[in-house]
């Protein structure tokens, strides 16, 4: 039997974690979550994720610092997931060792998350109050 892939979703916004968790579970991933940077580091050590979605603006330790710490011990793929879509932040994230950088509010990400949430439960997108326009 093939081992289930694990994704760590590290974001201080519970709604974002919930939406992404629904999407990744639907795709067959095991999901672990962290609400701040320190918790993310603990989950990385304990859960050994295959991929990390990492918010930049988190309490305790920001995503840049988490990325820097992870790169000292692992080459796991890291996708910076953030509301900040500035070139300087993108460059810094990539220099710290991130593999990619996705804006939280990108239309493609929002639509795929909403579609996944809606397919799991038709009321989910309404109860989460997700704007899709």
C-alpha atoms as a PDB file:
ATOM      1  CA  UNK A   1       0.000   0.000   0.000  1.00  0.00           C
ATOM      2  CA  UNK A   2       1.328   3.431  -0.970  1.00  0.00           C
ATOM      3  CA  UNK A   3       2.046   5.907   1.811  1.00  0.00           C
ATOM      4  CA  UNK A   4      -0.389   8.816   1.960  1.00  0.00           C
ATOM      5  CA  UNK A   5       1.281  12.157   1.172  1.00  0.00           C
ATOM      6  CA  UNK A   6       1.172  14.717   3.992  1.00  0.00           C
ATOM      7  CA  UNK A   7       0.737  18.475   3.637  1.00  0.00           C
ATOM      8  CA  UNK A   8       1.341  21.003   6.403  1.00  0.00           C
ATOM      9  CA  UNK A   9      -0.870  24.069   6.159  1.00  0.00           C
ATOM     10  CA  UNK A  10       0.681  26.802   8.314  1.00  0.00           C
ATOM     11  CA  UNK A  11      -1.495  29.905   8.465  1.00  0.00           C
ATOM     12  CA  UNK A  12      -2.843  32.008  11.318  1.00  0.00           C
ATOM     13  CA  UNK A  13      -6.214  32.382   9.572  1.00  0.00           C
ATOM     14  CA  UNK A  14      -8.425  29.421  10.553  1.00  0.00           C
ATOM     15  CA  UNK A  15     -10.673  29.966   7.535  1.00  0.00           C
ATOM     16  CA  UNK A  16      -7.756  29.640   5.112  1.00  0.00           C
ATOM     17  CA  UNK A  17      -6.547  26.476   6.867  1.00  0.00           C
ATOM     18  CA  UNK A  18     -10.053  24.994   6.731  1.00  0.00           C
ATOM     19  CA  UNK A  19     -10.541  25.710   3.020  1.00  0.00           C
ATOM     20  CA  UNK A  20      -7.123  24.389   2.035  1.00  0.00           C
ATOM     21  CA  UNK A  21      -7.571  21.363   4.293  1.00  0.00           C
ATOM     22  CA  UNK A  22     -10.826  20.455   2.534  1.00  0.00           C
ATOM     23  CA  UNK A  23      -9.123  20.767  -0.837  1.00  0.00           C
ATOM     24  CA  UNK A  24      -6.081  18.665   0.055  1.00  0.00           C
ATOM     25  CA  UNK A  25      -8.107  15.970   1.831  1.00  0.00           C
ATOM     26  CA  UNK A  26     -10.297  15.687  -1.268  1.00  0.00           C
ATOM     27  CA  UNK A  27      -7.085  15.155  -3.271  1.00  0.00           C
ATOM     28  CA  UNK A  28      -6.042  12.314  -0.937  1.00  0.00           C
ATOM     29  CA  UNK A  29      -3.538  14.095   1.285  1.00  0.00           C
ATOM     30  CA  UNK A  30      -3.185  13.707   5.017  1.00  0.00           C
ATOM     31  CA  UNK A  31      -3.387  17.254   6.418  1.00  0.00           C
ATOM     32  CA  UNK A  32      -1.643  18.680   9.457  1.00  0.00           C
ATOM     33  CA  UNK A  33      -2.104  22.289  10.501  1.00  0.00           C
ATOM     34  CA  UNK A  34      -0.306  25.025  12.402  1.00  0.00           C
ATOM     35  CA  UNK A  35      -1.639  28.436  13.457  1.00  0.00           C
ATOM     36  CA  UNK A  36       1.735  30.112  14.033  1.00  0.00           C
ATOM     37  CA  UNK A  37       5.373  29.758  13.097  1.00  0.00           C
ATOM     38  CA  UNK A  38       6.508  27.996  16.270  1.00  0.00           C
ATOM     39  CA  UNK A  39       3.722  25.432  15.935  1.00  0.00           C
ATOM     40  CA  UNK A  40       4.699  24.947  12.280  1.00  0.00           C
ATOM     41  CA  UNK A  41       8.243  23.995  13.292  1.00  0.00           C
ATOM     42  CA  UNK A  42       6.901  21.499  15.844  1.00  0.00           C
ATOM     43  CA  UNK A  43       4.558  19.977  13.241  1.00  0.00           C
ATOM     44  CA  UNK A  44       7.378  19.732  10.705  1.00  0.00           C
ATOM     45  CA  UNK A  45       9.508  17.772  13.177  1.00  0.00           C
ATOM     46  CA  UNK A  46       6.617  15.536  14.284  1.00  0.00           C
ATOM     47  CA  UNK A  47       4.649  15.099  11.056  1.00  0.00           C
ATOM     48  CA  UNK A  48       7.418  15.035   8.440  1.00  0.00           C
ATOM     49  CA  UNK A  49       5.237  16.646   5.741  1.00  0.00           C
ATOM     50  CA  UNK A  50       5.856  16.034   2.042  1.00  0.00           C
ATOM     51  CA  UNK A  51       4.946  19.640   1.199  1.00  0.00           C
ATOM     52  CA  UNK A  52       4.445  22.809   3.253  1.00  0.00           C
ATOM     53  CA  UNK A  53       2.064  25.684   2.548  1.00  0.00           C
ATOM     54  CA  UNK A  54       3.481  28.512   4.621  1.00  0.00           C
ATOM     55  CA  UNK A  55       1.919  31.890   5.325  1.00  0.00           C
ATOM     56  CA  UNK A  56       4.364  34.776   5.687  1.00  0.00           C
ATOM     57  CA  UNK A  57       2.551  36.907   8.257  1.00  0.00           C
ATOM     58  CA  UNK A  58       2.099  34.589  11.252  1.00  0.00           C
ATOM     59  CA  UNK A  59       2.485  35.245  14.953  1.00  0.00           C
ATOM     60  CA  UNK A  60       5.434  34.014  17.048  1.00  0.00           C
ATOM     61  CA  UNK A  61       7.678  33.303  14.012  1.00  0.00           C
ATOM     62  CA  UNK A  62       6.927  34.636  10.550  1.00  0.00           C
ATOM     63  CA  UNK A  63       6.975  32.427   7.471  1.00  0.00           C
ATOM     64  CA  UNK A  64      10.366  33.727   6.344  1.00  0.00           C
ATOM     65  CA  UNK A  65      11.966  32.609   9.600  1.00  0.00           C
ATOM     66  CA  UNK A  66      10.168  29.240   9.506  1.00  0.00           C
ATOM     67  CA  UNK A  67      11.367  28.702   5.933  1.00  0.00           C
ATOM     68  CA  UNK A  68      14.930  29.565   6.939  1.00  0.00           C
ATOM     69  CA  UNK A  69      14.802  27.106   9.882  1.00  0.00           C
ATOM     70  CA  UNK A  70      13.276  24.328   7.761  1.00  0.00           C
ATOM     71  CA  UNK A  71      15.997  24.686   5.130  1.00  0.00           C
ATOM     72  CA  UNK A  72      18.594  23.902   7.805  1.00  0.00           C
ATOM     73  CA  UNK A  73      17.091  20.419   8.246  1.00  0.00           C
ATOM     74  CA  UNK A  74      15.047  19.546   5.167  1.00  0.00           C
ATOM     75  CA  UNK A  75      14.559  20.068   1.450  1.00  0.00           C
ATOM     76  CA  UNK A  76      10.777  19.527   1.643  1.00  0.00           C
ATOM     77  CA  UNK A  77       8.956  21.680  -0.949  1.00  0.00           C
ATOM     78  CA  UNK A  78       7.747  24.962   0.569  1.00  0.00           C
ATOM     79  CA  UNK A  79       5.067  27.105  -1.053  1.00  0.00           C
ATOM     80  CA  UNK A  80       4.801  30.561   0.486  1.00  0.00           C
ATOM     81  CA  UNK A  81       1.109  31.397   0.741  1.00  0.00           C
ATOM     82  CA  UNK A  82       0.469  35.013   1.535  1.00  0.00           C
ATOM     83  CA  UNK A  83      -1.773  38.029   1.243  1.00  0.00           C
ATOM     84  CA  UNK A  84       1.317  40.073   0.430  1.00  0.00           C
ATOM     85  CA  UNK A  85       2.007  40.047  -3.301  1.00  0.00           C
ATOM     86  CA  UNK A  86       5.045  42.292  -3.469  1.00  0.00           C
ATOM     87  CA  UNK A  87       8.071  41.459  -5.591  1.00  0.00           C
ATOM     88  CA  UNK A  88      10.446  42.139  -2.677  1.00  0.00           C
ATOM     89  CA  UNK A  89       8.606  39.572  -0.513  1.00  0.00           C
ATOM     90  CA  UNK A  90       8.559  37.063  -3.359  1.00  0.00           C
ATOM     91  CA  UNK A  91      12.308  37.465  -3.893  1.00  0.00           C
ATOM     92  CA  UNK A  92      13.035  37.213  -0.163  1.00  0.00           C
ATOM     93  CA  UNK A  93      10.896  34.070   0.161  1.00  0.00           C
ATOM     94  CA  UNK A  94      12.664  32.414  -2.754  1.00  0.00           C
ATOM     95  CA  UNK A  95      16.067  33.464  -1.405  1.00  0.00           C
ATOM     96  CA  UNK A  96      15.159  31.915   1.981  1.00  0.00           C
ATOM     97  CA  UNK A  97      14.551  28.608   0.218  1.00  0.00           C
ATOM     98  CA  UNK A  98      10.878  28.596  -0.742  1.00  0.00           C
ATOM     99  CA  UNK A  99      10.060  26.718  -3.923  1.00  0.00           C
ATOM    100  CA  UNK A 100       7.172  28.924  -4.981  1.00  0.00           C
ATOM    101  CA  UNK A 101       5.095  31.876  -3.859  1.00  0.00           C
ATOM    102  CA  UNK A 102       1.302  32.096  -4.239  1.00  0.00           C
ATOM    103  CA  UNK A 103      -0.910  35.028  -3.296  1.00  0.00           C
ATOM    104  CA  UNK A 104      -3.846  33.962  -1.100  1.00  0.00           C
ATOM    105  CA  UNK A 105      -6.190  36.120  -3.102  1.00  0.00           C
ATOM    106  CA  UNK A 106      -5.185  34.781  -6.511  1.00  0.00           C
ATOM    107  CA  UNK A 107      -8.304  33.931  -8.529  1.00  0.00           C
ATOM    108  CA  UNK A 108      -7.094  30.429  -9.393  1.00  0.00           C
ATOM    109  CA  UNK A 109      -6.425  29.552  -5.742  1.00  0.00           C
ATOM    110  CA  UNK A 110      -9.740  30.994  -4.574  1.00  0.00           C
ATOM    111  CA  UNK A 111     -11.750  29.203  -7.251  1.00  0.00           C
ATOM    112  CA  UNK A 112     -10.082  25.834  -6.714  1.00  0.00           C
ATOM    113  CA  UNK A 113     -10.587  26.109  -2.954  1.00  0.00           C
ATOM    114  CA  UNK A 114     -14.215  27.160  -3.324  1.00  0.00           C
ATOM    115  CA  UNK A 115     -14.876  24.348  -5.803  1.00  0.00           C
ATOM    116  CA  UNK A 116     -13.302  21.795  -3.485  1.00  0.00           C
ATOM    117  CA  UNK A 117     -15.195  23.111  -0.471  1.00  0.00           C
ATOM    118  CA  UNK A 118     -18.479  23.173  -2.369  1.00  0.00           C
ATOM    119  CA  UNK A 119     -18.039  19.641  -3.676  1.00  0.00           C
ATOM    120  CA  UNK A 120     -17.515  18.363  -0.134  1.00  0.00           C
ATOM    121  CA  UNK A 121     -20.545  20.196   1.235  1.00  0.00           C
ATOM    122  CA  UNK A 122     -22.831  22.456  -0.829  1.00  0.00           C
ATOM    123  CA  UNK A 123     -23.296  24.753   2.176  1.00  0.00           C
ATOM    124  CA  UNK A 124     -19.580  25.065   2.965  1.00  0.00           C
ATOM    125  CA  UNK A 125     -18.798  28.048   0.763  1.00  0.00           C
ATOM    126  CA  UNK A 126     -21.781  29.937   2.201  1.00  0.00           C
ATOM    127  CA  UNK A 127     -20.973  29.101   5.820  1.00  0.00           C
ATOM    128  CA  UNK A 128     -17.336  30.118   5.334  1.00  0.00           C
ATOM    129  CA  UNK A 129     -18.436  33.358   3.648  1.00  0.00           C
ATOM    130  CA  UNK A 130     -15.881  32.998   0.840  1.00  0.00           C
ATOM    131  CA  UNK A 131     -15.924  35.755  -1.775  1.00  0.00           C
ATOM    132  CA  UNK A 132     -15.466  34.293  -5.249  1.00  0.00           C
ATOM    133  CA  UNK A 133     -15.547  37.473  -7.319  1.00  0.00           C
END
